[in-house]
């Protein structure tokens, strides 16, 4: 009896991130963690879901090598590049007030 091949977690994640609402929720969760490396990983995963770094770089009109560097573990993207990237991926950055706990 042949076992049915299972998709890996990464394959399932990338498939789900093709949905813009899922991608936005995923990226928001990464931002809430407050970890730059996690945020950059989330951006890389979303880029992969949208055809890969090369495809996203072309759509964003960003240099592919610079985008790889920007999204690397040691990356430190400038806000202008980040906003351009998010726009190309069909996402936008929003800011909201923190929930306040009243005593």
PDB file of N, CA and C in Angstrom:
ATOM      1  N   UNK A   1       0.852  -1.167   0.000  1.00  0.00           N
ATOM      2  CA  UNK A   1       0.000   0.000   0.000  1.00  0.00           C
ATOM      3  C   UNK A   1       0.903   1.237   0.000  1.00  0.00           C
ATOM      4  N   UNK A   2       0.748   2.086  -0.995  1.00  0.00           N
ATOM      5  CA  UNK A   2       1.565   3.291  -1.104  1.00  0.00           C
ATOM      6  C   UNK A   2       0.968   4.391  -0.234  1.00  0.00           C
ATOM      7  N   UNK A   3       1.817   4.994   0.526  1.00  0.00           N
ATOM      8  CA  UNK A   3       1.360   6.100   1.369  1.00  0.00           C
ATOM      9  C   UNK A   3       1.196   7.346   0.512  1.00  0.00           C
ATOM     10  N   UNK A   4       0.151   8.062   0.791  1.00  0.00           N
ATOM     11  CA  UNK A   4      -0.107   9.306   0.066  1.00  0.00           C
ATOM     12  C   UNK A   4       0.929  10.340   0.512  1.00  0.00           C
ATOM     13  N   UNK A   5       1.575  10.980  -0.456  1.00  0.00           N
ATOM     14  CA  UNK A   5       2.585  11.982  -0.126  1.00  0.00           C
ATOM     15  C   UNK A   5       1.932  13.176   0.563  1.00  0.00           C
ATOM     16  N   UNK A   6       2.556  13.595   1.643  1.00  0.00           N
ATOM     17  CA  UNK A   6       2.034  14.745   2.381  1.00  0.00           C
ATOM     18  C   UNK A   6       2.803  15.991   1.973  1.00  0.00           C
ATOM     19  N   UNK A   7       2.084  17.095   1.924  1.00  0.00           N
ATOM     20  CA  UNK A   7       2.753  18.369   1.676  1.00  0.00           C
ATOM     21  C   UNK A   7       3.503  18.765   2.938  1.00  0.00           C
ATOM     22  N   UNK A   8       4.601  19.408   2.739  1.00  0.00           N
ATOM     23  CA  UNK A   8       5.339  19.899   3.899  1.00  0.00           C
ATOM     24  C   UNK A   8       4.651  21.141   4.454  1.00  0.00           C
ATOM     25  N   UNK A   9       5.019  21.501   5.661  1.00  0.00           N
ATOM     26  CA  UNK A   9       4.467  22.712   6.280  1.00  0.00           C
ATOM     27  C   UNK A   9       4.758  23.914   5.393  1.00  0.00           C
ATOM     28  N   UNK A  10       5.991  24.009   4.887  1.00  0.00           N
ATOM     29  CA  UNK A  10       6.384  25.147   4.053  1.00  0.00           C
ATOM     30  C   UNK A  10       5.532  25.215   2.787  1.00  0.00           C
ATOM     31  N   UNK A  11       5.278  24.090   2.156  1.00  0.00           N
ATOM     32  CA  UNK A  11       4.440  24.074   0.947  1.00  0.00           C
ATOM     33  C   UNK A  11       3.016  24.530   1.259  1.00  0.00           C
ATOM     34  N   UNK A  12       2.476  24.057   2.371  1.00  0.00           N
ATOM     35  CA  UNK A  12       1.131  24.487   2.782  1.00  0.00           C
ATOM     36  C   UNK A  12       1.100  25.982   3.089  1.00  0.00           C
ATOM     37  N   UNK A  13       2.139  26.452   3.777  1.00  0.00           N
ATOM     38  CA  UNK A  13       2.224  27.870   4.117  1.00  0.00           C
ATOM     39  C   UNK A  13       2.260  28.725   2.850  1.00  0.00           C
ATOM     40  N   UNK A  14       3.122  28.378   1.920  1.00  0.00           N
ATOM     41  CA  UNK A  14       3.257  29.146   0.679  1.00  0.00           C
ATOM     42  C   UNK A  14       1.940  29.133  -0.086  1.00  0.00           C
ATOM     43  N   UNK A  15       1.279  28.001  -0.124  1.00  0.00           N
ATOM     44  CA  UNK A  15      -0.017  27.918  -0.816  1.00  0.00           C
ATOM     45  C   UNK A  15      -1.036  28.848  -0.161  1.00  0.00           C
ATOM     46  N   UNK A  16      -1.052  28.896   1.171  1.00  0.00           N
ATOM     47  CA  UNK A  16      -2.023  29.754   1.863  1.00  0.00           C
ATOM     48  C   UNK A  16      -1.699  31.227   1.674  1.00  0.00           C
ATOM     49  N   UNK A  17      -0.418  31.554   1.540  1.00  0.00           N
ATOM     50  CA  UNK A  17      -0.005  32.953   1.406  1.00  0.00           C
ATOM     51  C   UNK A  17      -0.299  33.535   0.026  1.00  0.00           C
ATOM     52  N   UNK A  18      -0.785  32.728  -0.872  1.00  0.00           N
ATOM     53  CA  UNK A  18      -1.221  33.250  -2.182  1.00  0.00           C
ATOM     54  C   UNK A  18      -2.493  34.070  -2.028  1.00  0.00           C
ATOM     55  N   UNK A  19      -3.214  33.835  -0.935  1.00  0.00           N
ATOM     56  CA  UNK A  19      -4.415  34.604  -0.617  1.00  0.00           C
ATOM     57  C   UNK A  19      -3.969  35.899   0.075  1.00  0.00           C
ATOM     58  N   UNK A  20      -4.294  37.073  -0.505  1.00  0.00           N
ATOM     59  CA  UNK A  20      -3.835  38.340   0.078  1.00  0.00           C
ATOM     60  C   UNK A  20      -4.262  38.550   1.530  1.00  0.00           C
ATOM     61  N   UNK A  21      -5.455  38.096   1.903  1.00  0.00           N
ATOM     62  CA  UNK A  21      -5.895  38.258   3.291  1.00  0.00           C
ATOM     63  C   UNK A  21      -5.061  37.398   4.235  1.00  0.00           C
ATOM     64  N   UNK A  22      -4.719  36.192   3.800  1.00  0.00           N
ATOM     65  CA  UNK A  22      -3.864  35.311   4.608  1.00  0.00           C
ATOM     66  C   UNK A  22      -2.466  35.918   4.731  1.00  0.00           C
ATOM     67  N   UNK A  23      -1.958  36.444   3.624  1.00  0.00           N
ATOM     68  CA  UNK A  23      -0.631  37.058   3.637  1.00  0.00           C
ATOM     69  C   UNK A  23      -0.599  38.254   4.584  1.00  0.00           C
ATOM     70  N   UNK A  24      -1.637  39.073   4.552  1.00  0.00           N
ATOM     71  CA  UNK A  24      -1.704  40.253   5.426  1.00  0.00           C
ATOM     72  C   UNK A  24      -1.755  39.835   6.890  1.00  0.00           C
ATOM     73  N   UNK A  25      -2.548  38.828   7.214  1.00  0.00           N
ATOM     74  CA  UNK A  25      -2.656  38.356   8.595  1.00  0.00           C
ATOM     75  C   UNK A  25      -1.331  37.757   9.065  1.00  0.00           C
ATOM     76  N   UNK A  26      -0.674  37.025   8.206  1.00  0.00           N
ATOM     77  CA  UNK A  26       0.612  36.398   8.508  1.00  0.00           C
ATOM     78  C   UNK A  26       1.666  37.468   8.787  1.00  0.00           C
ATOM     79  N   UNK A  27       1.718  38.480   7.934  1.00  0.00           N
ATOM     80  CA  UNK A  27       2.688  39.549   8.104  1.00  0.00           C
ATOM     81  C   UNK A  27       2.377  40.368   9.355  1.00  0.00           C
ATOM     82  N   UNK A  28       1.119  40.618   9.617  1.00  0.00           N
ATOM     83  CA  UNK A  28       0.727  41.348  10.829  1.00  0.00           C
ATOM     84  C   UNK A  28       1.145  40.583  12.080  1.00  0.00           C
ATOM     85  N   UNK A  29       0.973  39.280  12.064  1.00  0.00           N
ATOM     86  CA  UNK A  29       1.380  38.461  13.212  1.00  0.00           C
ATOM     87  C   UNK A  29       2.894  38.534  13.406  1.00  0.00           C
ATOM     88  N   UNK A  30       3.623  38.535  12.310  1.00  0.00           N
ATOM     89  CA  UNK A  30       5.085  38.636  12.399  1.00  0.00           C
ATOM     90  C   UNK A  30       5.500  39.988  12.974  1.00  0.00           C
ATOM     91  N   UNK A  31       4.813  41.047  12.576  1.00  0.00           N
ATOM     92  CA  UNK A  31       5.105  42.382  13.096  1.00  0.00           C
ATOM     93  C   UNK A  31       4.829  42.433  14.597  1.00  0.00           C
ATOM     94  N   UNK A  32       3.725  41.845  15.021  1.00  0.00           N
ATOM     95  CA  UNK A  32       3.348  41.861  16.438  1.00  0.00           C
ATOM     96  C   UNK A  32       4.386  41.172  17.313  1.00  0.00           C
ATOM     97  N   UNK A  33       5.107  40.204  16.748  1.00  0.00           N
ATOM     98  CA  UNK A  33       6.144  39.508  17.514  1.00  0.00           C
ATOM     99  C   UNK A  33       7.316  40.434  17.832  1.00  0.00           C
ATOM    100  N   UNK A  34       7.484  41.483  17.017  1.00  0.00           N
ATOM    101  CA  UNK A  34       8.555  42.442  17.275  1.00  0.00           C
ATOM    102  C   UNK A  34       9.943  41.934  16.956  1.00  0.00           C
ATOM    103  N   UNK A  35      10.045  40.907  16.128  1.00  0.00           N
ATOM    104  CA  UNK A  35      11.328  40.304  15.766  1.00  0.00           C
ATOM    105  C   UNK A  35      11.610  40.604  14.299  1.00  0.00           C
ATOM    106  N   UNK A  36      12.650  41.388  14.032  1.00  0.00           N
ATOM    107  CA  UNK A  36      12.994  41.785  12.661  1.00  0.00           C
ATOM    108  C   UNK A  36      13.244  40.572  11.765  1.00  0.00           C
ATOM    109  N   UNK A  37      13.963  39.578  12.273  1.00  0.00           N
ATOM    110  CA  UNK A  37      14.265  38.386  11.463  1.00  0.00           C
ATOM    111  C   UNK A  37      12.983  37.654  11.081  1.00  0.00           C
ATOM    112  N   UNK A  38      12.053  37.559  12.008  1.00  0.00           N
ATOM    113  CA  UNK A  38      10.773  36.898  11.731  1.00  0.00           C
ATOM    114  C   UNK A  38       9.979  37.692  10.682  1.00  0.00           C
ATOM    115  N   UNK A  39       9.999  39.005  10.801  1.00  0.00           N
ATOM    116  CA  UNK A  39       9.322  39.867   9.840  1.00  0.00           C
ATOM    117  C   UNK A  39       9.902  39.678   8.441  1.00  0.00           C
ATOM    118  N   UNK A  40      11.227  39.642   8.340  1.00  0.00           N
ATOM    119  CA  UNK A  40      11.870  39.458   7.027  1.00  0.00           C
ATOM    120  C   UNK A  40      11.586  38.068   6.467  1.00  0.00           C
ATOM    121  N   UNK A  41      11.540  37.058   7.329  1.00  0.00           N
ATOM    122  CA  UNK A  41      11.182  35.707   6.891  1.00  0.00           C
ATOM    123  C   UNK A  41       9.762  35.694   6.346  1.00  0.00           C
ATOM    124  N   UNK A  42       8.854  36.380   7.026  1.00  0.00           N
ATOM    125  CA  UNK A  42       7.465  36.451   6.560  1.00  0.00           C
ATOM    126  C   UNK A  42       7.405  37.116   5.187  1.00  0.00           C
ATOM    127  N   UNK A  43       8.157  38.183   4.994  1.00  0.00           N
ATOM    128  CA  UNK A  43       8.197  38.839   3.684  1.00  0.00           C
ATOM    129  C   UNK A  43       8.749  37.905   2.614  1.00  0.00           C
ATOM    130  N   UNK A  44       9.793  37.149   2.952  1.00  0.00           N
ATOM    131  CA  UNK A  44      10.360  36.184   1.984  1.00  0.00           C
ATOM    132  C   UNK A  44       9.336  35.118   1.619  1.00  0.00           C
ATOM    133  N   UNK A  45       8.611  34.621   2.608  1.00  0.00           N
ATOM    134  CA  UNK A  45       7.602  33.598   2.341  1.00  0.00           C
ATOM    135  C   UNK A  45       6.479  34.144   1.463  1.00  0.00           C
ATOM    136  N   UNK A  46       6.064  35.371   1.718  1.00  0.00           N
ATOM    137  CA  UNK A  46       5.017  35.978   0.886  1.00  0.00           C
ATOM    138  C   UNK A  46       5.533  36.187  -0.531  1.00  0.00           C
ATOM    139  N   UNK A  47       6.768  36.625  -0.663  1.00  0.00           N
ATOM    140  CA  UNK A  47       7.364  36.796  -1.993  1.00  0.00           C
ATOM    141  C   UNK A  47       7.412  35.457  -2.726  1.00  0.00           C
ATOM    142  N   UNK A  48       7.777  34.404  -2.022  1.00  0.00           N
ATOM    143  CA  UNK A  48       7.815  33.069  -2.634  1.00  0.00           C
ATOM    144  C   UNK A  48       6.427  32.664  -3.133  1.00  0.00           C
ATOM    145  N   UNK A  49       5.413  32.977  -2.352  1.00  0.00           N
ATOM    146  CA  UNK A  49       4.038  32.640  -2.732  1.00  0.00           C
ATOM    147  C   UNK A  49       3.598  33.408  -3.978  1.00  0.00           C
ATOM    148  N   UNK A  50       4.237  34.542  -4.227  1.00  0.00           N
ATOM    149  CA  UNK A  50       3.872  35.368  -5.371  1.00  0.00           C
ATOM    150  C   UNK A  50       4.811  35.182  -6.550  1.00  0.00           C
ATOM    151  N   UNK A  51       5.481  34.049  -6.588  1.00  0.00           N
ATOM    152  CA  UNK A  51       6.317  33.724  -7.746  1.00  0.00           C
ATOM    153  C   UNK A  51       7.802  33.810  -7.507  1.00  0.00           C
ATOM    154  N   UNK A  52       8.202  34.195  -6.318  1.00  0.00           N
ATOM    155  CA  UNK A  52       9.618  34.255  -5.982  1.00  0.00           C
ATOM    156  C   UNK A  52      10.158  35.675  -5.981  1.00  0.00           C
ATOM    157  N   UNK A  53      11.365  35.791  -5.458  1.00  0.00           N
ATOM    158  CA  UNK A  53      12.013  37.096  -5.313  1.00  0.00           C
ATOM    159  C   UNK A  53      12.167  37.785  -6.661  1.00  0.00           C
ATOM    160  N   UNK A  54      12.588  37.040  -7.679  1.00  0.00           N
ATOM    161  CA  UNK A  54      12.795  37.653  -8.993  1.00  0.00           C
ATOM    162  C   UNK A  54      11.510  38.257  -9.538  1.00  0.00           C
ATOM    163  N   UNK A  55      10.413  37.521  -9.434  1.00  0.00           N
ATOM    164  CA  UNK A  55       9.125  38.009  -9.944  1.00  0.00           C
ATOM    165  C   UNK A  55       8.658  39.233  -9.168  1.00  0.00           C
ATOM    166  N   UNK A  56       8.818  39.206  -7.854  1.00  0.00           N
ATOM    167  CA  UNK A  56       8.385  40.331  -7.022  1.00  0.00           C
ATOM    168  C   UNK A  56       9.283  41.541  -7.274  1.00  0.00           C
ATOM    169  N   UNK A  57      10.582  41.308  -7.417  1.00  0.00           N
ATOM    170  CA  UNK A  57      11.512  42.410  -7.702  1.00  0.00           C
ATOM    171  C   UNK A  57      11.140  43.100  -8.999  1.00  0.00           C
ATOM    172  N   UNK A  58      10.818  42.311 -10.009  1.00  0.00           N
ATOM    173  CA  UNK A  58      10.427  42.883 -11.297  1.00  0.00           C
ATOM    174  C   UNK A  58       9.136  43.693 -11.166  1.00  0.00           C
ATOM    175  N   UNK A  59       8.169  43.141 -10.476  1.00  0.00           N
ATOM    176  CA  UNK A  59       6.894  43.830 -10.289  1.00  0.00           C
ATOM    177  C   UNK A  59       7.071  45.127  -9.495  1.00  0.00           C
ATOM    178  N   UNK A  60       7.965  45.100  -8.500  1.00  0.00           N
ATOM    179  CA  UNK A  60       8.211  46.268  -7.654  1.00  0.00           C
ATOM    180  C   UNK A  60       9.209  47.239  -8.279  1.00  0.00           C
ATOM    181  N   UNK A  61       9.798  46.824  -9.379  1.00  0.00           N
ATOM    182  CA  UNK A  61      10.852  47.604 -10.040  1.00  0.00           C
ATOM    183  C   UNK A  61      12.028  47.856  -9.089  1.00  0.00           C
ATOM    184  N   UNK A  62      12.378  46.793  -8.357  1.00  0.00           N
ATOM    185  CA  UNK A  62      13.525  46.825  -7.463  1.00  0.00           C
ATOM    186  C   UNK A  62      14.589  45.889  -8.019  1.00  0.00           C
ATOM    187  N   UNK A  63      15.839  46.184  -7.752  1.00  0.00           N
ATOM    188  CA  UNK A  63      16.940  45.333  -8.166  1.00  0.00           C
ATOM    189  C   UNK A  63      16.838  44.002  -7.420  1.00  0.00           C
ATOM    190  N   UNK A  64      16.897  42.903  -8.152  1.00  0.00           N
ATOM    191  CA  UNK A  64      16.720  41.576  -7.554  1.00  0.00           C
ATOM    192  C   UNK A  64      17.754  41.301  -6.464  1.00  0.00           C
ATOM    193  N   UNK A  65      19.023  41.613  -6.738  1.00  0.00           N
ATOM    194  CA  UNK A  65      20.071  41.363  -5.745  1.00  0.00           C
ATOM    195  C   UNK A  65      19.842  42.200  -4.485  1.00  0.00           C
ATOM    196  N   UNK A  66      19.429  43.447  -4.687  1.00  0.00           N
ATOM    197  CA  UNK A  66      19.145  44.295  -3.526  1.00  0.00           C
ATOM    198  C   UNK A  66      17.964  43.758  -2.724  1.00  0.00           C
ATOM    199  N   UNK A  67      16.955  43.225  -3.428  1.00  0.00           N
ATOM    200  CA  UNK A  67      15.803  42.663  -2.729  1.00  0.00           C
ATOM    201  C   UNK A  67      16.212  41.424  -1.932  1.00  0.00           C
ATOM    202  N   UNK A  68      17.054  40.566  -2.522  1.00  0.00           N
ATOM    203  CA  UNK A  68      17.563  39.413  -1.776  1.00  0.00           C
ATOM    204  C   UNK A  68      18.271  39.877  -0.505  1.00  0.00           C
ATOM    205  N   UNK A  69      19.127  40.883  -0.642  1.00  0.00           N
ATOM    206  CA  UNK A  69      19.862  41.415   0.496  1.00  0.00           C
ATOM    207  C   UNK A  69      18.913  42.027   1.525  1.00  0.00           C
ATOM    208  N   UNK A  70      17.934  42.781   1.031  1.00  0.00           N
ATOM    209  CA  UNK A  70      16.979  43.448   1.908  1.00  0.00           C
ATOM    210  C   UNK A  70      16.196  42.439   2.753  1.00  0.00           C
ATOM    211  N   UNK A  71      15.862  41.295   2.156  1.00  0.00           N
ATOM    212  CA  UNK A  71      15.052  40.294   2.851  1.00  0.00           C
ATOM    213  C   UNK A  71      15.876  39.201   3.521  1.00  0.00           C
ATOM    214  N   UNK A  72      17.196  39.341   3.485  1.00  0.00           N
ATOM    215  CA  UNK A  72      18.045  38.343   4.131  1.00  0.00           C
ATOM    216  C   UNK A  72      17.899  38.460   5.650  1.00  0.00           C
ATOM    217  N   UNK A  73      18.422  37.486   6.359  1.00  0.00           N
ATOM    218  CA  UNK A  73      18.342  37.497   7.820  1.00  0.00           C
ATOM    219  C   UNK A  73      18.984  38.746   8.411  1.00  0.00           C
ATOM    220  N   UNK A  74      19.961  39.290   7.710  1.00  0.00           N
ATOM    221  CA  UNK A  74      20.657  40.480   8.196  1.00  0.00           C
ATOM    222  C   UNK A  74      20.139  41.745   7.520  1.00  0.00           C
ATOM    223  N   UNK A  75      19.079  41.608   6.732  1.00  0.00           N
ATOM    224  CA  UNK A  75      18.537  42.747   6.002  1.00  0.00           C
ATOM    225  C   UNK A  75      18.002  43.832   6.919  1.00  0.00           C
ATOM    226  N   UNK A  76      18.015  45.047   6.386  1.00  0.00           N
ATOM    227  CA  UNK A  76      17.507  46.187   7.135  1.00  0.00           C
ATOM    228  C   UNK A  76      16.879  47.145   6.111  1.00  0.00           C
ATOM    229  N   UNK A  77      15.700  46.788   5.597  1.00  0.00           N
ATOM    230  CA  UNK A  77      15.118  47.577   4.517  1.00  0.00           C
ATOM    231  C   UNK A  77      14.752  48.999   4.936  1.00  0.00           C
ATOM    232  N   UNK A  78      14.972  49.917   4.009  1.00  0.00           N
ATOM    233  CA  UNK A  78      14.521  51.290   4.225  1.00  0.00           C
ATOM    234  C   UNK A  78      13.010  51.318   4.049  1.00  0.00           C
ATOM    235  N   UNK A  79      12.365  52.274   4.695  1.00  0.00           N
ATOM    236  CA  UNK A  79      10.903  52.333   4.663  1.00  0.00           C
ATOM    237  C   UNK A  79      10.396  52.491   3.230  1.00  0.00           C
ATOM    238  N   UNK A  80      11.069  53.285   2.402  1.00  0.00           N
ATOM    239  CA  UNK A  80      10.629  53.489   1.017  1.00  0.00           C
ATOM    240  C   UNK A  80      10.648  52.159   0.256  1.00  0.00           C
ATOM    241  N   UNK A  81      11.717  51.392   0.408  1.00  0.00           N
ATOM    242  CA  UNK A  81      11.814  50.090  -0.263  1.00  0.00           C
ATOM    243  C   UNK A  81      10.770  49.122   0.268  1.00  0.00           C
ATOM    244  N   UNK A  82      10.560  49.152   1.573  1.00  0.00           N
ATOM    245  CA  UNK A  82       9.563  48.280   2.189  1.00  0.00           C
ATOM    246  C   UNK A  82       8.165  48.600   1.669  1.00  0.00           C
ATOM    247  N   UNK A  83       7.828  49.879   1.606  1.00  0.00           N
ATOM    248  CA  UNK A  83       6.506  50.272   1.109  1.00  0.00           C
ATOM    249  C   UNK A  83       6.338  49.895  -0.365  1.00  0.00           C
ATOM    250  N   UNK A  84       7.394  50.070  -1.156  1.00  0.00           N
ATOM    251  CA  UNK A  84       7.359  49.680  -2.569  1.00  0.00           C
ATOM    252  C   UNK A  84       7.132  48.182  -2.698  1.00  0.00           C
ATOM    253  N   UNK A  85       7.848  47.403  -1.896  1.00  0.00           N
ATOM    254  CA  UNK A  85       7.710  45.951  -1.909  1.00  0.00           C
ATOM    255  C   UNK A  85       6.301  45.525  -1.517  1.00  0.00           C
ATOM    256  N   UNK A  86       5.800  46.076  -0.427  1.00  0.00           N
ATOM    257  CA  UNK A  86       4.457  45.723   0.025  1.00  0.00           C
ATOM    258  C   UNK A  86       3.416  46.055  -1.040  1.00  0.00           C
ATOM    259  N   UNK A  87       3.542  47.210  -1.648  1.00  0.00           N
ATOM    260  CA  UNK A  87       2.601  47.615  -2.704  1.00  0.00           C
ATOM    261  C   UNK A  87       2.633  46.616  -3.861  1.00  0.00           C
ATOM    262  N   UNK A  88       3.820  46.202  -4.265  1.00  0.00           N
ATOM    263  CA  UNK A  88       3.959  45.246  -5.363  1.00  0.00           C
ATOM    264  C   UNK A  88       3.343  43.892  -5.019  1.00  0.00           C
ATOM    265  N   UNK A  89       3.286  43.567  -3.732  1.00  0.00           N
ATOM    266  CA  UNK A  89       2.711  42.295  -3.295  1.00  0.00           C
ATOM    267  C   UNK A  89       1.228  42.436  -2.951  1.00  0.00           C
ATOM    268  N   UNK A  90       0.666  43.601  -3.226  1.00  0.00           N
ATOM    269  CA  UNK A  90      -0.759  43.809  -2.971  1.00  0.00           C
ATOM    270  C   UNK A  90      -1.079  44.043  -1.510  1.00  0.00           C
ATOM    271  N   UNK A  91      -0.097  44.518  -0.752  1.00  0.00           N
ATOM    272  CA  UNK A  91      -0.268  44.758   0.674  1.00  0.00           C
ATOM    273  C   UNK A  91       0.038  46.213   0.983  1.00  0.00           C
ATOM    274  N   UNK A  92      -0.389  46.661   2.140  1.00  0.00           N
ATOM    275  CA  UNK A  92      -0.058  48.014   2.576  1.00  0.00           C
ATOM    276  C   UNK A  92       0.210  47.996   4.061  1.00  0.00           C
ATOM    277  N   UNK A  93       0.987  48.956   4.494  1.00  0.00           N
ATOM    278  CA  UNK A  93       1.323  49.092   5.897  1.00  0.00           C
ATOM    279  C   UNK A  93       0.333  50.055   6.540  1.00  0.00           C
ATOM    280  N   UNK A  94      -0.241  49.647   7.652  1.00  0.00           N
ATOM    281  CA  UNK A  94      -1.159  50.522   8.380  1.00  0.00           C
ATOM    282  C   UNK A  94      -0.698  50.612   9.828  1.00  0.00           C
ATOM    283  N   UNK A  95      -1.107  51.661  10.465  1.00  0.00           N
ATOM    284  CA  UNK A  95      -0.761  51.884  11.864  1.00  0.00           C
ATOM    285  C   UNK A  95      -2.066  52.043  12.629  1.00  0.00           C
ATOM    286  N   UNK A  96      -2.133  51.436  13.801  1.00  0.00           N
ATOM    287  CA  UNK A  96      -3.326  51.581  14.623  1.00  0.00           C
ATOM    288  C   UNK A  96      -2.897  51.828  16.060  1.00  0.00           C
ATOM    289  N   UNK A  97      -3.774  52.432  16.815  1.00  0.00           N
ATOM    290  CA  UNK A  97      -3.493  52.689  18.225  1.00  0.00           C
ATOM    291  C   UNK A  97      -3.478  51.375  18.989  1.00  0.00           C
ATOM    292  N   UNK A  98      -2.607  51.301  19.956  1.00  0.00           N
ATOM    293  CA  UNK A  98      -2.562  50.119  20.793  1.00  0.00           C
ATOM    294  C   UNK A  98      -3.807  50.071  21.659  1.00  0.00           C
ATOM    295  N   UNK A  99      -4.220  48.849  21.969  1.00  0.00           N
ATOM    296  CA  UNK A  99      -5.341  48.690  22.889  1.00  0.00           C
ATOM    297  C   UNK A  99      -4.857  49.080  24.265  1.00  0.00           C
ATOM    298  N   UNK A 100      -5.619  49.914  24.914  1.00  0.00           N
ATOM    299  CA  UNK A 100      -5.221  50.370  26.235  1.00  0.00           C
ATOM    300  C   UNK A 100      -6.018  49.623  27.299  1.00  0.00           C
ATOM    301  N   UNK A 101      -5.327  49.265  28.330  1.00  0.00           N
ATOM    302  CA  UNK A 101      -5.965  48.606  29.461  1.00  0.00           C
ATOM    303  C   UNK A 101      -6.178  49.669  30.526  1.00  0.00           C
ATOM    304  N   UNK A 102      -7.412  49.863  30.911  1.00  0.00           N
ATOM    305  CA  UNK A 102      -7.741  50.865  31.920  1.00  0.00           C
ATOM    306  C   UNK A 102      -7.850  50.199  33.276  1.00  0.00           C
ATOM    307  N   UNK A 103      -7.243  50.821  34.257  1.00  0.00           N
ATOM    308  CA  UNK A 103      -7.258  50.272  35.619  1.00  0.00           C
ATOM    309  C   UNK A 103      -8.519  50.673  36.348  1.00  0.00           C
TER     310      UNK A 103
END
